[in-house]
Protein backbone atom coordinates (compact mmCIF):
# COMPACT_ATOMS: atom_id res chain seq x y z
CA MET A 1 -4.81 -1.57 42.13
CA ALA A 2 -8.21 -3.27 41.63
CA LEU A 3 -9.28 -2.23 45.19
CA ARG A 4 -8.22 1.43 44.42
CA LYS A 5 -10.42 1.52 41.47
CA ALA A 6 -13.37 0.13 43.57
CA LYS A 7 -12.93 2.85 46.16
CA ASN A 8 -12.93 5.51 43.45
CA ALA A 9 -16.35 4.02 42.25
CA VAL A 10 -17.75 4.16 45.90
CA ASP A 11 -16.84 7.74 46.93
CA PRO A 12 -19.60 9.56 44.86
CA LEU A 13 -22.14 7.27 46.29
CA VAL A 14 -21.47 7.63 49.93
CA GLU A 15 -23.85 9.61 52.21
CA LEU A 16 -22.28 10.66 55.51
CA GLY A 17 -24.40 10.26 58.52
CA ASN A 18 -23.40 10.57 62.29
CA THR A 19 -19.77 11.30 63.02
CA GLU A 20 -17.67 11.35 66.23
CA VAL A 21 -14.02 11.82 67.07
CA ASN A 22 -12.60 10.55 70.19
CA ILE A 23 -9.19 11.27 71.84
CA VAL A 24 -7.28 8.13 72.74
CA GLU A 25 -6.03 8.70 76.28
CA GLY A 26 -2.31 8.07 76.80
CA TYR A 27 -1.68 8.39 73.12
CA GLU A 28 -1.26 11.42 70.88
CA SER A 29 -3.98 10.22 68.67
CA VAL A 30 -7.61 10.20 67.89
CA ARG A 31 -10.16 7.81 66.67
CA GLY A 32 -12.71 8.89 64.01
CA PHE A 33 -15.98 7.14 63.50
CA ALA A 34 -18.46 7.76 60.67
CA GLU A 35 -21.87 6.26 59.74
CA ILE A 36 -22.32 6.12 56.05
CA SER A 37 -24.97 4.83 53.66
CA VAL A 38 -24.53 3.51 49.97
CA PRO A 39 -27.38 2.34 47.75
CA LYS A 40 -26.39 -1.38 47.37
CA ASP A 41 -27.42 -1.97 43.73
CA GLU A 42 -25.80 1.21 42.47
CA LEU A 43 -22.71 0.39 44.46
CA ILE A 44 -22.39 -3.17 42.93
CA ASN A 45 -23.10 -1.72 39.51
CA ARG A 46 -20.29 1.01 39.81
CA ILE A 47 -17.73 -1.38 41.17
CA GLY A 48 -18.37 -3.94 38.46
CA LYS A 49 -17.91 -1.30 35.78
CA ARG A 50 -14.53 -0.05 37.46
CA LEU A 51 -13.17 -3.60 37.76
CA GLY A 52 -14.11 -4.52 34.24
CA GLY A 53 -10.42 -5.15 33.36
CA HIS A 54 -9.98 -7.31 36.62
CA GLU A 55 -12.75 -9.84 35.99
CA LYS A 56 -11.12 -12.58 38.15
CA ALA A 57 -10.68 -10.21 41.20
CA TRP A 58 -14.24 -8.83 40.74
CA ASN A 59 -15.64 -12.48 40.42
CA MET A 60 -13.73 -13.50 43.60
CA MET A 61 -15.14 -10.58 45.60
CA LYS A 62 -18.75 -11.30 44.50
CA GLU A 63 -18.40 -14.97 45.48
CA SER A 64 -16.92 -14.27 48.90
CA LYS A 65 -18.95 -14.66 52.10
CA ALA A 66 -18.56 -11.22 53.13
CA PHE A 67 -20.12 -10.04 49.76
CA SER A 68 -23.02 -12.23 50.10
CA ASP A 69 -23.68 -10.95 53.56
CA PHE A 70 -23.48 -7.47 52.42
């Protein structure tokens, strides 16, 4: 639930760049690729506001290596 709230905070900030769709040979499927950009400071601020009621989860995310490399 906390991640769904974070996703909802991110959607308005996303700017779509290059896109591409490839057919997967031998399967009845496709793969889609998209380049996006998001202002980092605004993203962190919005996610923090959305996860206000999930302080433990938000703090764990902020303290993760993936987040610090972001």
